[in-house]
Amino acid sequence: MHKKQEIHNKAYIWVNIDFDKVKNRINVVTSKIEQVIQKYQFSSKAGDSGKRNN
C-alpha cells in the first residue's frame, strides 16, 4: 500500500507592502477629492445648477 499523494488546494501569496507609500497615495487621492468638492461647491454657489452639460 502506498500513500495517496496529497493535493494542496491553498495558495499562499506573500505581499510586501510599503505602508508609507500607501499612506502617501491615500493622501494624494484625498486631496484630489477635496479639490473636486471645493470646485463643485464653488460652482454651486456661483449659481450653477450642478448638472452636467453632455
N, C-alpha and C. Protein backbone atom coordinates (compact mmCIF):
# COMPACT_ATOMS: atom_id res chain seq x y z
N MET A 1 0.83 -1.19 0.00
CA MET A 1 0.00 0.00 0.00
C MET A 1 0.87 1.25 0.00
N HIS A 2 0.62 2.10 -0.95
CA HIS A 2 1.33 3.37 -0.91
C HIS A 2 0.35 4.51 -0.63
N LYS A 3 0.90 5.55 0.00
CA LYS A 3 0.05 6.68 0.39
C LYS A 3 -0.39 7.47 -0.84
N LYS A 4 -1.61 7.91 -0.80
CA LYS A 4 -2.12 8.76 -1.85
C LYS A 4 -1.45 10.14 -1.73
N GLN A 5 -0.98 10.65 -2.85
CA GLN A 5 -0.29 11.95 -2.81
C GLN A 5 -1.30 13.05 -2.47
N GLU A 6 -0.90 13.87 -1.51
CA GLU A 6 -1.79 14.96 -1.10
C GLU A 6 -1.77 16.09 -2.12
N ILE A 7 -2.92 16.61 -2.38
CA ILE A 7 -3.04 17.76 -3.28
C ILE A 7 -3.38 18.98 -2.42
N HIS A 8 -2.54 20.00 -2.53
CA HIS A 8 -2.77 21.22 -1.76
C HIS A 8 -3.58 22.20 -2.60
N ASN A 9 -4.74 22.56 -2.08
CA ASN A 9 -5.61 23.48 -2.81
C ASN A 9 -5.40 24.93 -2.41
N LYS A 10 -4.57 25.15 -1.41
CA LYS A 10 -4.38 26.51 -0.92
C LYS A 10 -3.14 27.13 -1.56
N ALA A 11 -3.27 28.39 -1.93
CA ALA A 11 -2.13 29.13 -2.47
C ALA A 11 -1.84 30.28 -1.52
N TYR A 12 -0.61 30.40 -1.14
CA TYR A 12 -0.20 31.47 -0.25
C TYR A 12 0.61 32.50 -1.02
N ILE A 13 0.21 33.74 -0.90
CA ILE A 13 0.92 34.82 -1.58
C ILE A 13 1.50 35.75 -0.52
N TRP A 14 2.80 35.93 -0.56
CA TRP A 14 3.45 36.84 0.37
C TRP A 14 3.52 38.21 -0.29
N VAL A 15 2.98 39.20 0.38
CA VAL A 15 2.94 40.54 -0.18
C VAL A 15 3.75 41.48 0.70
N ASN A 16 4.64 42.19 0.08
CA ASN A 16 5.43 43.17 0.80
C ASN A 16 4.83 44.55 0.55
N ILE A 17 4.22 45.12 1.56
CA ILE A 17 3.53 46.39 1.41
C ILE A 17 4.34 47.49 2.10
N ASP A 18 4.61 48.55 1.36
CA ASP A 18 5.26 49.72 1.93
C ASP A 18 4.15 50.67 2.39
N PHE A 19 3.86 50.64 3.68
CA PHE A 19 2.72 51.39 4.19
C PHE A 19 2.91 52.89 4.07
N ASP A 20 4.16 53.35 4.04
CA ASP A 20 4.39 54.78 3.85
C ASP A 20 3.94 55.21 2.45
N LYS A 21 4.22 54.37 1.45
CA LYS A 21 3.78 54.68 0.09
C LYS A 21 2.27 54.64 0.00
N VAL A 22 1.67 53.66 0.65
CA VAL A 22 0.21 53.55 0.64
C VAL A 22 -0.42 54.79 1.29
N LYS A 23 0.11 55.19 2.42
CA LYS A 23 -0.40 56.36 3.12
C LYS A 23 -0.25 57.61 2.26
N ASN A 24 0.91 57.74 1.61
CA ASN A 24 1.15 58.89 0.74
C ASN A 24 0.14 58.92 -0.40
N ARG A 25 -0.11 57.76 -1.00
CA ARG A 25 -1.05 57.68 -2.12
C ARG A 25 -2.46 58.04 -1.67
N ILE A 26 -2.84 57.55 -0.49
CA ILE A 26 -4.16 57.87 0.05
C ILE A 26 -4.29 59.37 0.26
N ASN A 27 -3.22 60.00 0.78
CA ASN A 27 -3.24 61.45 1.00
C ASN A 27 -3.39 62.20 -0.32
N VAL A 28 -2.71 61.74 -1.37
CA VAL A 28 -2.81 62.39 -2.68
C VAL A 28 -4.24 62.29 -3.21
N VAL A 29 -4.81 61.10 -3.13
CA VAL A 29 -6.17 60.90 -3.63
C VAL A 29 -7.16 61.72 -2.81
N THR A 30 -6.97 61.76 -1.50
CA THR A 30 -7.86 62.53 -0.63
C THR A 30 -7.81 64.02 -1.00
N SER A 31 -6.62 64.54 -1.25
CA SER A 31 -6.51 65.95 -1.60
C SER A 31 -7.18 66.23 -2.95
N LYS A 32 -7.07 65.29 -3.89
CA LYS A 32 -7.74 65.46 -5.18
C LYS A 32 -9.26 65.50 -5.00
N ILE A 33 -9.77 64.61 -4.15
CA ILE A 33 -11.21 64.58 -3.87
C ILE A 33 -11.65 65.90 -3.24
N GLU A 34 -10.86 66.41 -2.30
CA GLU A 34 -11.19 67.68 -1.65
C GLU A 34 -11.21 68.81 -2.67
N GLN A 35 -10.28 68.79 -3.63
CA GLN A 35 -10.26 69.82 -4.67
C GLN A 35 -11.54 69.76 -5.51
N VAL A 36 -11.97 68.56 -5.85
CA VAL A 36 -13.18 68.40 -6.65
C VAL A 36 -14.39 68.90 -5.87
N ILE A 37 -14.45 68.57 -4.59
CA ILE A 37 -15.57 69.01 -3.75
C ILE A 37 -15.60 70.53 -3.67
N GLN A 38 -14.43 71.13 -3.44
CA GLN A 38 -14.37 72.59 -3.35
C GLN A 38 -14.79 73.24 -4.67
N LYS A 39 -14.35 72.68 -5.77
CA LYS A 39 -14.73 73.21 -7.08
C LYS A 39 -16.23 73.10 -7.29
N TYR A 40 -16.81 71.97 -6.90
CA TYR A 40 -18.25 71.76 -7.05
C TYR A 40 -19.02 72.76 -6.18
N GLN A 41 -18.56 72.93 -4.94
CA GLN A 41 -19.23 73.86 -4.04
C GLN A 41 -19.14 75.29 -4.57
N PHE A 42 -17.99 75.65 -5.13
CA PHE A 42 -17.80 76.98 -5.68
C PHE A 42 -18.74 77.20 -6.86
N SER A 43 -18.83 76.19 -7.75
CA SER A 43 -19.69 76.33 -8.92
C SER A 43 -21.16 76.36 -8.51
N SER A 44 -21.51 75.67 -7.45
CA SER A 44 -22.89 75.69 -6.98
C SER A 44 -23.25 77.06 -6.41
N LYS A 45 -22.30 77.66 -5.70
CA LYS A 45 -22.54 78.98 -5.13
C LYS A 45 -22.62 80.05 -6.21
N ALA A 46 -21.98 79.79 -7.34
CA ALA A 46 -21.96 80.75 -8.43
C ALA A 46 -23.26 80.71 -9.24
N GLY A 47 -24.20 79.90 -8.82
CA GLY A 47 -25.50 79.85 -9.50
C GLY A 47 -25.61 78.70 -10.46
N ASP A 48 -24.62 77.84 -10.52
CA ASP A 48 -24.68 76.68 -11.41
C ASP A 48 -25.66 75.68 -10.82
N SER A 49 -26.42 75.03 -11.68
CA SER A 49 -27.41 74.06 -11.21
C SER A 49 -26.76 72.77 -10.74
N GLY A 50 -25.48 72.56 -11.06
CA GLY A 50 -24.81 71.35 -10.66
C GLY A 50 -25.00 70.22 -11.65
N LYS A 51 -25.75 70.49 -12.73
CA LYS A 51 -25.97 69.46 -13.74
C LYS A 51 -24.87 69.51 -14.79
N ARG A 52 -24.54 68.34 -15.32
CA ARG A 52 -23.53 68.26 -16.35
C ARG A 52 -24.12 68.65 -17.71
N ASN A 53 -23.27 69.26 -18.51
CA ASN A 53 -23.66 69.50 -19.90
C ASN A 53 -23.01 68.43 -20.75
N ASN A 54 -23.83 67.53 -21.26
CA ASN A 54 -23.27 66.44 -22.09
C ASN A 54 -23.26 66.82 -23.54
